Amino acid sequence: MSGMSREEVESLIQEVLEV
């Protein structure tokens, strides 16, 4: 992953987990 910080990735993961 490039151009993505950990907070950005965690935000996407949280969106997927909250499905």
Protein backbone atom coordinates (compact mmCIF):
# COMPACT_ATOMS: atom_id res chain seq x y z
CA MET A 1 0.00 0.00 0.00
CA SER A 2 1.51 3.31 -0.97
CA GLY A 3 0.19 6.79 -0.27
CA MET A 4 -1.94 5.40 2.55
CA SER A 5 -1.23 5.90 6.21
CA ARG A 6 -2.25 3.48 8.92
CA GLU A 7 -5.22 5.63 9.91
CA GLU A 8 -6.46 5.62 6.32
CA VAL A 9 -6.22 1.83 6.13
CA GLU A 10 -7.88 1.37 9.53
CA SER A 11 -10.71 3.64 8.40
CA LEU A 12 -11.31 1.44 5.35
CA ILE A 13 -11.12 -1.72 7.46
CA GLN A 14 -13.65 -0.32 9.93
CA GLU A 15 -16.01 0.43 7.06
CA VAL A 16 -15.72 -3.15 5.84
CA LEU A 17 -16.16 -4.57 9.34
CA GLU A 18 -19.26 -2.43 9.83
CA VAL A 19 -21.11 -4.01 6.95
